[in-house]
Amino acid sequence: MRSAGILYKDQEAGLLAQQDDGSFSFRYHDAWMTDSSKPGICLNLPKSKQEYHSPSLFPFFFHMLPEGSNKMTVCKMMRIDPDDHFGLLLTTAKNDTIGAVKVIKTEPGK
């Protein structure tokens, strides 16, 4: 299993995980849920205590990935399989993204 902290305006909002079977889950942290001033990170993942599940990378995160020649350049330079969407997301969405959301790799067990 691989996981990543999801930051909204540099504050950790939740956890995105890729399970061993390739499926994905996302959940908001309890502290984020109890603070009424904190929004959901996107319309498709509204603020909720439920854990979201998807057989593939959630569309919101998929659309953060580079495309075309940019994707191929990053994959070649970072030695990432072009079909490893989670690995590509961890590499490209940790620093400079369009919008308020960043994706930061977490250590196993966190």
N, C-alpha and C. Protein backbone atom coordinates (compact mmCIF):
# COMPACT_ATOMS: atom_id res chain seq x y z
N MET A 1 0.84 -1.18 0.00
CA MET A 1 0.00 0.00 0.00
C MET A 1 0.89 1.24 0.00
N ARG A 2 0.49 2.21 -0.81
CA ARG A 2 1.17 3.50 -0.82
C ARG A 2 0.16 4.55 -0.37
N SER A 3 0.67 5.60 0.30
CA SER A 3 -0.26 6.64 0.75
C SER A 3 0.37 8.01 0.62
N ALA A 4 -0.52 9.01 0.62
CA ALA A 4 -0.09 10.39 0.47
C ALA A 4 -1.00 11.29 1.29
N GLY A 5 -0.38 12.28 1.93
CA GLY A 5 -1.15 13.30 2.61
C GLY A 5 -1.65 14.30 1.58
N ILE A 6 -2.89 14.69 1.73
CA ILE A 6 -3.49 15.67 0.82
C ILE A 6 -3.55 17.00 1.56
N LEU A 7 -2.81 17.97 1.04
CA LEU A 7 -2.75 19.29 1.66
C LEU A 7 -3.65 20.26 0.91
N TYR A 8 -4.38 21.05 1.68
CA TYR A 8 -5.20 22.12 1.12
C TYR A 8 -4.67 23.41 1.73
N LYS A 9 -4.14 24.28 0.89
CA LYS A 9 -3.52 25.52 1.35
C LYS A 9 -2.48 25.22 2.45
N ASP A 10 -1.65 24.21 2.19
CA ASP A 10 -0.55 23.78 3.05
C ASP A 10 -0.97 23.23 4.41
N GLN A 11 -2.23 22.86 4.56
CA GLN A 11 -2.72 22.20 5.77
C GLN A 11 -3.22 20.82 5.38
N GLU A 12 -2.82 19.79 6.13
CA GLU A 12 -3.19 18.43 5.77
C GLU A 12 -4.68 18.20 6.01
N ALA A 13 -5.38 17.88 4.93
CA ALA A 13 -6.83 17.69 4.96
C ALA A 13 -7.23 16.22 5.04
N GLY A 14 -6.44 15.35 4.43
CA GLY A 14 -6.83 13.95 4.40
C GLY A 14 -5.73 13.05 3.91
N LEU A 15 -6.11 11.80 3.65
CA LEU A 15 -5.15 10.78 3.24
C LEU A 15 -5.67 10.05 2.00
N LEU A 16 -4.84 9.99 0.98
CA LEU A 16 -5.12 9.24 -0.24
C LEU A 16 -4.25 7.99 -0.19
N ALA A 17 -4.85 6.84 -0.44
CA ALA A 17 -4.07 5.59 -0.39
C ALA A 17 -4.37 4.73 -1.61
N GLN A 18 -3.32 4.07 -2.08
CA GLN A 18 -3.47 3.06 -3.13
C GLN A 18 -3.30 1.71 -2.46
N GLN A 19 -4.32 0.89 -2.55
CA GLN A 19 -4.30 -0.44 -1.93
C GLN A 19 -3.45 -1.39 -2.76
N ASP A 20 -3.13 -2.54 -2.18
CA ASP A 20 -2.31 -3.52 -2.88
C ASP A 20 -2.97 -4.05 -4.15
N ASP A 21 -4.31 -4.00 -4.21
CA ASP A 21 -5.00 -4.48 -5.42
C ASP A 21 -5.11 -3.40 -6.49
N GLY A 22 -4.53 -2.21 -6.24
CA GLY A 22 -4.54 -1.12 -7.22
C GLY A 22 -5.68 -0.14 -7.04
N SER A 23 -6.64 -0.44 -6.16
CA SER A 23 -7.76 0.48 -5.93
C SER A 23 -7.30 1.63 -5.01
N PHE A 24 -8.15 2.65 -4.90
CA PHE A 24 -7.80 3.84 -4.14
C PHE A 24 -8.85 4.15 -3.09
N SER A 25 -8.40 4.81 -2.02
CA SER A 25 -9.32 5.30 -0.99
C SER A 25 -8.86 6.70 -0.59
N PHE A 26 -9.84 7.49 -0.16
CA PHE A 26 -9.55 8.83 0.34
C PHE A 26 -10.45 9.07 1.54
N ARG A 27 -9.85 9.65 2.59
CA ARG A 27 -10.64 10.05 3.75
C ARG A 27 -10.08 11.35 4.32
N TYR A 28 -10.99 12.14 4.85
CA TYR A 28 -10.59 13.37 5.52
C TYR A 28 -10.14 13.06 6.94
N HIS A 29 -9.18 13.82 7.45
CA HIS A 29 -8.76 13.68 8.84
C HIS A 29 -9.87 14.18 9.76
N ASP A 30 -9.95 13.60 10.94
CA ASP A 30 -10.98 14.00 11.91
C ASP A 30 -10.90 15.49 12.25
N ALA A 31 -9.69 16.00 12.42
CA ALA A 31 -9.53 17.42 12.76
C ALA A 31 -10.06 18.31 11.64
N TRP A 32 -9.91 17.88 10.41
CA TRP A 32 -10.43 18.65 9.26
C TRP A 32 -11.96 18.63 9.29
N MET A 33 -12.50 17.48 9.63
CA MET A 33 -13.95 17.31 9.66
C MET A 33 -14.61 18.17 10.74
N THR A 34 -13.99 18.30 11.89
CA THR A 34 -14.60 19.02 13.00
C THR A 34 -14.50 20.53 12.86
N ASP A 35 -13.64 21.01 11.97
CA ASP A 35 -13.48 22.45 11.77
C ASP A 35 -14.42 22.90 10.65
N SER A 36 -15.48 23.61 11.02
CA SER A 36 -16.48 24.01 10.03
C SER A 36 -15.95 25.01 9.01
N SER A 37 -14.82 25.64 9.29
CA SER A 37 -14.26 26.60 8.33
C SER A 37 -13.45 25.92 7.22
N LYS A 38 -13.18 24.63 7.38
CA LYS A 38 -12.40 23.88 6.38
C LYS A 38 -13.33 23.31 5.32
N PRO A 39 -13.05 23.58 4.04
CA PRO A 39 -13.91 23.08 2.96
C PRO A 39 -13.51 21.67 2.51
N GLY A 40 -14.34 21.08 1.68
CA GLY A 40 -13.95 19.87 0.97
C GLY A 40 -12.90 20.24 -0.06
N ILE A 41 -12.07 19.29 -0.45
CA ILE A 41 -11.00 19.63 -1.40
C ILE A 41 -11.52 19.79 -2.82
N CYS A 42 -12.67 19.16 -3.13
CA CYS A 42 -13.28 19.30 -4.45
C CYS A 42 -14.74 18.88 -4.37
N LEU A 43 -15.50 19.19 -5.41
CA LEU A 43 -16.92 18.87 -5.43
C LEU A 43 -17.19 17.37 -5.44
N ASN A 44 -16.32 16.59 -6.08
CA ASN A 44 -16.52 15.15 -6.18
C ASN A 44 -16.13 14.39 -4.92
N LEU A 45 -15.42 15.06 -4.00
CA LEU A 45 -15.05 14.47 -2.72
C LEU A 45 -15.49 15.42 -1.61
N PRO A 46 -16.82 15.58 -1.43
CA PRO A 46 -17.30 16.52 -0.42
C PRO A 46 -16.87 16.11 0.98
N LYS A 47 -16.79 17.08 1.84
CA LYS A 47 -16.39 16.84 3.22
C LYS A 47 -17.39 15.88 3.86
N SER A 48 -16.91 14.72 4.27
CA SER A 48 -17.76 13.68 4.82
C SER A 48 -16.92 12.74 5.67
N LYS A 49 -17.55 12.14 6.67
CA LYS A 49 -16.83 11.18 7.51
C LYS A 49 -16.62 9.85 6.80
N GLN A 50 -17.35 9.64 5.71
CA GLN A 50 -17.19 8.38 4.99
C GLN A 50 -15.83 8.32 4.31
N GLU A 51 -15.35 7.11 4.09
CA GLU A 51 -14.14 6.92 3.30
C GLU A 51 -14.58 6.66 1.87
N TYR A 52 -13.99 7.36 0.93
CA TYR A 52 -14.31 7.20 -0.49
C TYR A 52 -13.44 6.10 -1.08
N HIS A 53 -14.02 5.33 -2.00
CA HIS A 53 -13.30 4.23 -2.66
C HIS A 53 -13.48 4.33 -4.17
N SER A 54 -12.43 3.93 -4.90
CA SER A 54 -12.49 3.93 -6.36
C SER A 54 -11.55 2.85 -6.90
N PRO A 55 -11.97 2.15 -7.96
CA PRO A 55 -11.08 1.14 -8.55
C PRO A 55 -9.88 1.76 -9.27
N SER A 56 -9.99 3.06 -9.62
CA SER A 56 -8.88 3.77 -10.27
C SER A 56 -8.67 5.10 -9.56
N LEU A 57 -7.63 5.81 -9.92
CA LEU A 57 -7.33 7.09 -9.29
C LEU A 57 -8.52 8.03 -9.45
N PHE A 58 -8.95 8.66 -8.37
CA PHE A 58 -10.09 9.56 -8.41
C PHE A 58 -9.87 10.63 -9.49
N PRO A 59 -10.92 10.97 -10.24
CA PRO A 59 -10.77 11.95 -11.33
C PRO A 59 -10.11 13.26 -10.90
N PHE A 60 -10.43 13.76 -9.72
CA PHE A 60 -9.83 15.01 -9.25
C PHE A 60 -8.31 14.92 -9.25
N PHE A 61 -7.78 13.82 -8.74
CA PHE A 61 -6.32 13.64 -8.68
C PHE A 61 -5.75 13.29 -10.05
N PHE A 62 -6.48 12.50 -10.83
CA PHE A 62 -6.01 12.15 -12.17
C PHE A 62 -5.80 13.39 -13.02
N HIS A 63 -6.67 14.37 -12.87
CA HIS A 63 -6.57 15.59 -13.68
C HIS A 63 -5.46 16.53 -13.20
N MET A 64 -4.79 16.17 -12.12
CA MET A 64 -3.62 16.94 -11.68
C MET A 64 -2.35 16.45 -12.38
N LEU A 65 -2.44 15.34 -13.09
CA LEU A 65 -1.26 14.73 -13.74
C LEU A 65 -0.89 15.47 -15.02
N PRO A 66 0.42 15.49 -15.33
CA PRO A 66 0.83 16.06 -16.62
C PRO A 66 0.36 15.15 -17.75
N GLU A 67 0.28 15.73 -18.93
CA GLU A 67 -0.18 14.99 -20.10
C GLU A 67 0.82 15.11 -21.24
N GLY A 68 0.65 14.26 -22.23
CA GLY A 68 1.42 14.35 -23.48
C GLY A 68 2.92 14.31 -23.27
N SER A 69 3.61 15.23 -23.96
CA SER A 69 5.08 15.23 -23.91
C SER A 69 5.59 15.58 -22.51
N ASN A 70 4.85 16.40 -21.76
CA ASN A 70 5.27 16.71 -20.38
C ASN A 70 5.26 15.44 -19.53
N LYS A 71 4.22 14.65 -19.67
CA LYS A 71 4.14 13.39 -18.93
C LYS A 71 5.30 12.47 -19.31
N MET A 72 5.55 12.32 -20.59
CA MET A 72 6.61 11.42 -21.04
C MET A 72 7.98 11.89 -20.56
N THR A 73 8.20 13.20 -20.54
CA THR A 73 9.47 13.74 -20.06
C THR A 73 9.66 13.43 -18.58
N VAL A 74 8.63 13.69 -17.78
CA VAL A 74 8.72 13.41 -16.34
C VAL A 74 8.93 11.93 -16.10
N CYS A 75 8.17 11.09 -16.79
CA CYS A 75 8.31 9.64 -16.61
C CYS A 75 9.72 9.16 -16.97
N LYS A 76 10.26 9.69 -18.04
CA LYS A 76 11.61 9.28 -18.46
C LYS A 76 12.66 9.78 -17.46
N MET A 77 12.57 11.04 -17.07
CA MET A 77 13.57 11.61 -16.16
C MET A 77 13.50 10.99 -14.76
N MET A 78 12.29 10.68 -14.30
CA MET A 78 12.12 10.16 -12.94
C MET A 78 12.00 8.64 -12.91
N ARG A 79 12.08 8.03 -14.09
CA ARG A 79 11.98 6.57 -14.22
C ARG A 79 10.69 6.03 -13.60
N ILE A 80 9.59 6.63 -14.04
CA ILE A 80 8.26 6.23 -13.59
C ILE A 80 7.53 5.58 -14.76
N ASP A 81 6.88 4.48 -14.50
CA ASP A 81 6.05 3.83 -15.52
C ASP A 81 4.91 4.79 -15.87
N PRO A 82 4.68 5.07 -17.15
CA PRO A 82 3.60 5.99 -17.55
C PRO A 82 2.21 5.57 -17.05
N ASP A 83 2.04 4.29 -16.74
CA ASP A 83 0.75 3.80 -16.22
C ASP A 83 0.68 3.87 -14.70
N ASP A 84 1.76 4.28 -14.03
CA ASP A 84 1.77 4.41 -12.58
C ASP A 84 1.27 5.80 -12.20
N HIS A 85 -0.03 5.98 -12.25
CA HIS A 85 -0.62 7.29 -11.99
C HIS A 85 -0.33 7.79 -10.58
N PHE A 86 -0.35 6.89 -9.60
CA PHE A 86 -0.08 7.32 -8.23
C PHE A 86 1.36 7.78 -8.07
N GLY A 87 2.30 7.04 -8.65
CA GLY A 87 3.71 7.44 -8.60
C GLY A 87 3.94 8.77 -9.29
N LEU A 88 3.29 8.96 -10.41
CA LEU A 88 3.40 10.22 -11.14
C LEU A 88 2.80 11.37 -10.32
N LEU A 89 1.67 11.12 -9.66
CA LEU A 89 1.04 12.13 -8.81
C LEU A 89 1.96 12.51 -7.66
N LEU A 90 2.57 11.51 -7.02
CA LEU A 90 3.49 11.78 -5.90
C LEU A 90 4.68 12.62 -6.35
N THR A 91 5.12 12.41 -7.56
CA THR A 91 6.29 13.12 -8.08
C THR A 91 5.97 14.55 -8.50
N THR A 92 4.81 14.73 -9.14
CA THR A 92 4.53 16.03 -9.74
C THR A 92 3.65 16.96 -8.92
N ALA A 93 2.89 16.44 -7.97
CA ALA A 93 1.93 17.29 -7.24
C ALA A 93 2.37 17.62 -5.83
N LYS A 94 3.67 17.53 -5.57
CA LYS A 94 4.13 17.80 -4.21
C LYS A 94 4.60 19.24 -4.00
N ASN A 95 4.90 19.95 -5.05
CA ASN A 95 5.43 21.30 -4.89
C ASN A 95 4.55 22.37 -5.49
N ASP A 96 4.56 22.45 -6.79
CA ASP A 96 3.89 23.54 -7.47
C ASP A 96 2.72 23.00 -8.28
N THR A 97 1.51 23.22 -7.78
CA THR A 97 0.32 22.77 -8.50
C THR A 97 -0.57 23.96 -8.83
N ILE A 98 -1.46 23.74 -9.76
CA ILE A 98 -2.46 24.76 -10.07
C ILE A 98 -3.59 24.54 -9.06
N GLY A 99 -3.83 25.51 -8.24
CA GLY A 99 -4.86 25.37 -7.22
C GLY A 99 -4.27 25.21 -5.84
N ALA A 100 -5.12 24.86 -4.89
CA ALA A 100 -4.75 24.85 -3.47
C ALA A 100 -4.32 23.49 -2.96
N VAL A 101 -4.40 22.44 -3.77
CA VAL A 101 -4.15 21.08 -3.30
C VAL A 101 -2.76 20.60 -3.71
N LYS A 102 -2.06 20.00 -2.74
CA LYS A 102 -0.77 19.35 -2.98
C LYS A 102 -0.85 17.92 -2.46
N VAL A 103 0.00 17.06 -2.98
CA VAL A 103 0.03 15.66 -2.61
C VAL A 103 1.43 15.34 -2.11
N ILE A 104 1.53 14.92 -0.85
CA ILE A 104 2.82 14.66 -0.21
C ILE A 104 2.89 13.20 0.23
N LYS A 105 3.92 12.49 -0.21
CA LYS A 105 4.10 11.08 0.15
C LYS A 105 4.21 10.94 1.66
N THR A 106 3.53 9.93 2.22
CA THR A 106 3.62 9.64 3.65
C THR A 106 4.37 8.33 3.84
N GLU A 107 4.89 8.16 5.02
CA GLU A 107 5.59 6.92 5.36
C GLU A 107 4.58 5.82 5.62
N PRO A 108 4.93 4.58 5.30
CA PRO A 108 4.02 3.45 5.57
C PRO A 108 3.65 3.41 7.06
N GLY A 109 2.38 3.11 7.31
CA GLY A 109 1.91 3.01 8.69
C GLY A 109 1.38 4.31 9.25
N LYS A 110 1.50 5.41 8.52
CA LYS A 110 0.99 6.69 9.03
C LYS A 110 -0.43 6.90 8.59
